[in-house]
Amino acid sequence: MATARLDMKLDQVVKDKATKASALLNKRSLTEYIVQLVDEDATRVIAQHESTTVNDNVFDRFMLACENAPKPHKALLNAVEFTREKGIE
């Protein structure tokens, strides 16, 4: 059940096209159609921005760098401990 409201104004031509598309897709209402579009697009945008895809050669170089990384020095370990103590994430 929807609990939040979104009011918006749009160009009449855009509304007419959306109404027609909604009917062609047998949606119960223009609102149902718009909610579906917003949900699908928002999911896609969030996924795009919350993940990173790299070429195989870049990943291989990254993994090699991780495997050959030197042990952290005392200052870095102190910085990690400081952030934990302060609740910094």
N, C-alpha and C. Protein backbone atom coordinates (compact mmCIF):
# COMPACT_ATOMS: atom_id res chain seq x y z
N MET A 1 0.85 -1.18 0.00
CA MET A 1 0.00 0.00 0.00
C MET A 1 0.89 1.24 0.00
N ALA A 2 0.61 2.14 -0.91
CA ALA A 2 1.40 3.37 -1.02
C ALA A 2 1.15 4.28 0.18
N THR A 3 2.22 4.85 0.70
CA THR A 3 2.08 5.74 1.84
C THR A 3 2.70 7.11 1.60
N ALA A 4 3.40 7.27 0.48
CA ALA A 4 4.04 8.55 0.19
C ALA A 4 3.40 9.16 -1.06
N ARG A 5 3.39 10.46 -1.10
CA ARG A 5 2.75 11.16 -2.21
C ARG A 5 3.79 11.96 -2.98
N LEU A 6 3.64 12.00 -4.30
CA LEU A 6 4.50 12.79 -5.17
C LEU A 6 3.61 13.57 -6.11
N ASP A 7 3.62 14.88 -5.98
CA ASP A 7 2.85 15.73 -6.87
C ASP A 7 3.79 16.29 -7.92
N MET A 8 3.32 16.31 -9.17
CA MET A 8 4.17 16.82 -10.23
C MET A 8 3.34 17.43 -11.35
N LYS A 9 3.94 18.38 -12.02
CA LYS A 9 3.32 18.98 -13.19
C LYS A 9 4.18 18.61 -14.38
N LEU A 10 3.53 18.32 -15.51
CA LEU A 10 4.28 18.02 -16.71
C LEU A 10 3.57 18.55 -17.93
N ASP A 11 4.30 18.63 -19.00
CA ASP A 11 3.77 19.14 -20.24
C ASP A 11 2.61 18.27 -20.71
N GLN A 12 1.58 18.86 -21.27
CA GLN A 12 0.40 18.11 -21.70
C GLN A 12 0.75 17.04 -22.74
N VAL A 13 1.68 17.33 -23.63
CA VAL A 13 2.09 16.35 -24.65
C VAL A 13 2.70 15.13 -23.98
N VAL A 14 3.54 15.36 -22.99
CA VAL A 14 4.16 14.25 -22.26
C VAL A 14 3.10 13.44 -21.54
N LYS A 15 2.15 14.11 -20.90
CA LYS A 15 1.09 13.40 -20.19
C LYS A 15 0.26 12.57 -21.16
N ASP A 16 -0.07 13.14 -22.31
CA ASP A 16 -0.86 12.40 -23.30
C ASP A 16 -0.13 11.15 -23.78
N LYS A 17 1.18 11.28 -24.04
CA LYS A 17 1.95 10.12 -24.46
C LYS A 17 2.01 9.06 -23.36
N ALA A 18 2.21 9.49 -22.13
CA ALA A 18 2.27 8.55 -21.01
C ALA A 18 0.93 7.87 -20.81
N THR A 19 -0.16 8.61 -20.96
CA THR A 19 -1.50 8.03 -20.82
C THR A 19 -1.73 6.97 -21.89
N LYS A 20 -1.32 7.27 -23.13
CA LYS A 20 -1.48 6.31 -24.22
C LYS A 20 -0.63 5.06 -23.97
N ALA A 21 0.63 5.26 -23.57
CA ALA A 21 1.50 4.12 -23.28
C ALA A 21 0.93 3.27 -22.15
N SER A 22 0.41 3.91 -21.14
CA SER A 22 -0.20 3.21 -20.01
C SER A 22 -1.35 2.33 -20.48
N ALA A 23 -2.19 2.89 -21.34
CA ALA A 23 -3.34 2.12 -21.87
C ALA A 23 -2.86 0.96 -22.74
N LEU A 24 -1.86 1.20 -23.58
CA LEU A 24 -1.34 0.14 -24.45
C LEU A 24 -0.74 -1.02 -23.65
N LEU A 25 -0.23 -0.70 -22.48
CA LEU A 25 0.35 -1.74 -21.61
C LEU A 25 -0.66 -2.32 -20.63
N ASN A 26 -1.92 -1.91 -20.79
CA ASN A 26 -3.01 -2.41 -19.93
C ASN A 26 -2.78 -2.12 -18.45
N LYS A 27 -2.20 -0.96 -18.17
CA LYS A 27 -2.02 -0.56 -16.77
C LYS A 27 -3.36 -0.06 -16.24
N ARG A 28 -3.57 -0.26 -14.96
CA ARG A 28 -4.84 0.18 -14.35
C ARG A 28 -4.97 1.69 -14.32
N SER A 29 -3.82 2.38 -14.29
CA SER A 29 -3.86 3.83 -14.22
C SER A 29 -2.55 4.42 -14.70
N LEU A 30 -2.58 5.69 -14.98
CA LEU A 30 -1.35 6.40 -15.34
C LEU A 30 -0.38 6.36 -14.16
N THR A 31 -0.89 6.47 -12.97
CA THR A 31 -0.05 6.42 -11.77
C THR A 31 0.70 5.09 -11.69
N GLU A 32 0.00 3.99 -11.94
CA GLU A 32 0.65 2.67 -11.90
C GLU A 32 1.79 2.61 -12.90
N TYR A 33 1.55 3.14 -14.09
CA TYR A 33 2.57 3.14 -15.14
C TYR A 33 3.78 3.98 -14.71
N ILE A 34 3.54 5.17 -14.20
CA ILE A 34 4.63 6.06 -13.80
C ILE A 34 5.41 5.47 -12.62
N VAL A 35 4.71 4.90 -11.67
CA VAL A 35 5.39 4.29 -10.52
C VAL A 35 6.29 3.16 -10.98
N GLN A 36 5.82 2.35 -11.92
CA GLN A 36 6.63 1.25 -12.44
C GLN A 36 7.88 1.79 -13.13
N LEU A 37 7.71 2.82 -13.97
CA LEU A 37 8.86 3.41 -14.66
C LEU A 37 9.88 3.97 -13.69
N VAL A 38 9.41 4.71 -12.70
CA VAL A 38 10.32 5.31 -11.72
C VAL A 38 11.05 4.23 -10.94
N ASP A 39 10.33 3.20 -10.51
CA ASP A 39 10.95 2.12 -9.74
C ASP A 39 12.02 1.40 -10.56
N GLU A 40 11.69 1.05 -11.80
CA GLU A 40 12.65 0.34 -12.65
C GLU A 40 13.88 1.20 -12.93
N ASP A 41 13.66 2.47 -13.26
CA ASP A 41 14.79 3.34 -13.59
C ASP A 41 15.64 3.63 -12.36
N ALA A 42 15.00 3.87 -11.23
CA ALA A 42 15.75 4.14 -10.00
C ALA A 42 16.60 2.93 -9.62
N THR A 43 16.06 1.74 -9.76
CA THR A 43 16.81 0.52 -9.47
C THR A 43 18.03 0.42 -10.38
N ARG A 44 17.84 0.71 -11.67
CA ARG A 44 18.94 0.64 -12.64
C ARG A 44 20.02 1.68 -12.31
N VAL A 45 19.60 2.91 -12.04
CA VAL A 45 20.56 3.99 -11.75
C VAL A 45 21.35 3.68 -10.48
N ILE A 46 20.68 3.22 -9.45
CA ILE A 46 21.36 2.90 -8.18
C ILE A 46 22.37 1.77 -8.41
N ALA A 47 21.96 0.73 -9.14
CA ALA A 47 22.87 -0.38 -9.41
C ALA A 47 24.10 0.09 -10.19
N GLN A 48 23.90 0.97 -11.15
CA GLN A 48 25.02 1.51 -11.93
C GLN A 48 26.00 2.26 -11.06
N HIS A 49 25.49 3.01 -10.11
CA HIS A 49 26.36 3.85 -9.29
C HIS A 49 26.93 3.14 -8.08
N GLU A 50 26.39 1.98 -7.76
CA GLU A 50 26.89 1.26 -6.59
C GLU A 50 27.76 0.07 -6.96
N SER A 51 28.08 -0.07 -8.23
CA SER A 51 28.96 -1.16 -8.65
C SER A 51 29.98 -0.63 -9.64
N THR A 52 31.05 -1.36 -9.76
CA THR A 52 32.10 -1.00 -10.69
C THR A 52 32.46 -2.22 -11.51
N THR A 53 32.54 -2.04 -12.80
CA THR A 53 32.95 -3.12 -13.69
C THR A 53 34.27 -2.72 -14.32
N VAL A 54 35.23 -3.63 -14.26
CA VAL A 54 36.54 -3.34 -14.85
C VAL A 54 36.91 -4.45 -15.81
N ASN A 55 37.77 -4.11 -16.75
CA ASN A 55 38.27 -5.12 -17.69
C ASN A 55 39.10 -6.16 -16.94
N ASP A 56 39.19 -7.34 -17.50
CA ASP A 56 39.94 -8.42 -16.86
C ASP A 56 41.38 -8.03 -16.55
N ASN A 57 42.05 -7.34 -17.49
CA ASN A 57 43.45 -6.99 -17.25
C ASN A 57 43.59 -6.00 -16.09
N VAL A 58 42.63 -5.10 -15.94
CA VAL A 58 42.67 -4.16 -14.82
C VAL A 58 42.46 -4.91 -13.51
N PHE A 59 41.51 -5.83 -13.49
CA PHE A 59 41.26 -6.62 -12.28
C PHE A 59 42.49 -7.45 -11.92
N ASP A 60 43.09 -8.06 -12.94
CA ASP A 60 44.28 -8.88 -12.68
C ASP A 60 45.42 -8.04 -12.08
N ARG A 61 45.62 -6.83 -12.60
CA ARG A 61 46.66 -5.95 -12.06
C ARG A 61 46.31 -5.53 -10.63
N PHE A 62 45.03 -5.27 -10.37
CA PHE A 62 44.60 -4.90 -9.02
C PHE A 62 44.87 -6.04 -8.04
N MET A 63 44.50 -7.25 -8.43
CA MET A 63 44.71 -8.41 -7.55
C MET A 63 46.20 -8.63 -7.29
N LEU A 64 47.01 -8.46 -8.31
CA LEU A 64 48.46 -8.62 -8.15
C LEU A 64 48.99 -7.57 -7.17
N ALA A 65 48.51 -6.33 -7.30
CA ALA A 65 48.93 -5.27 -6.38
C ALA A 65 48.51 -5.60 -4.95
N CYS A 66 47.31 -6.14 -4.78
CA CYS A 66 46.84 -6.51 -3.43
C CYS A 66 47.70 -7.63 -2.84
N GLU A 67 48.02 -8.60 -3.68
CA GLU A 67 48.82 -9.74 -3.20
C GLU A 67 50.24 -9.33 -2.83
N ASN A 68 50.76 -8.30 -3.49
CA ASN A 68 52.13 -7.86 -3.25
C ASN A 68 52.23 -6.59 -2.40
N ALA A 69 51.13 -6.20 -1.81
CA ALA A 69 51.13 -4.97 -1.01
C ALA A 69 51.96 -5.18 0.26
N PRO A 70 52.69 -4.14 0.64
CA PRO A 70 53.46 -4.26 1.89
C PRO A 70 52.52 -4.26 3.09
N LYS A 71 53.02 -4.77 4.19
CA LYS A 71 52.22 -4.75 5.42
C LYS A 71 52.00 -3.30 5.84
N PRO A 72 50.82 -3.00 6.44
CA PRO A 72 50.56 -1.62 6.85
C PRO A 72 51.53 -1.18 7.94
N HIS A 73 51.96 0.07 7.86
CA HIS A 73 52.88 0.61 8.84
C HIS A 73 52.11 1.09 10.08
N LYS A 74 52.83 1.42 11.11
CA LYS A 74 52.24 1.78 12.41
C LYS A 74 51.27 2.96 12.30
N ALA A 75 51.60 3.99 11.52
CA ALA A 75 50.72 5.15 11.39
C ALA A 75 49.38 4.76 10.78
N LEU A 76 49.40 3.89 9.79
CA LEU A 76 48.16 3.45 9.16
C LEU A 76 47.32 2.62 10.14
N LEU A 77 47.97 1.74 10.87
CA LEU A 77 47.25 0.94 11.87
C LEU A 77 46.65 1.84 12.95
N ASN A 78 47.38 2.87 13.35
CA ASN A 78 46.85 3.82 14.33
C ASN A 78 45.63 4.57 13.77
N ALA A 79 45.68 4.93 12.50
CA ALA A 79 44.57 5.64 11.87
C ALA A 79 43.33 4.75 11.83
N VAL A 80 43.51 3.48 11.54
CA VAL A 80 42.38 2.53 11.52
C VAL A 80 41.78 2.42 12.92
N GLU A 81 42.62 2.28 13.91
CA GLU A 81 42.14 2.17 15.29
C GLU A 81 41.40 3.45 15.71
N PHE A 82 41.93 4.60 15.33
CA PHE A 82 41.30 5.88 15.65
C PHE A 82 39.88 5.95 15.06
N THR A 83 39.74 5.56 13.79
CA THR A 83 38.41 5.62 13.15
C THR A 83 37.44 4.66 13.83
N ARG A 84 37.92 3.52 14.23
CA ARG A 84 37.04 2.56 14.94
C ARG A 84 36.58 3.13 16.28
N GLU A 85 37.51 3.71 17.01
CA GLU A 85 37.18 4.29 18.31
C GLU A 85 36.16 5.42 18.18
N LYS A 86 36.28 6.21 17.11
CA LYS A 86 35.37 7.35 16.91
C LYS A 86 34.08 6.96 16.19
N GLY A 87 33.98 5.71 15.77
CA GLY A 87 32.77 5.26 15.09
C GLY A 87 32.67 5.77 13.65
N ILE A 88 33.81 6.10 13.07
CA ILE A 88 33.83 6.59 11.69
C ILE A 88 33.80 5.39 10.75
N GLU A 89 32.91 5.46 9.78
CA GLU A 89 32.82 4.35 8.82
C GLU A 89 33.26 4.79 7.47
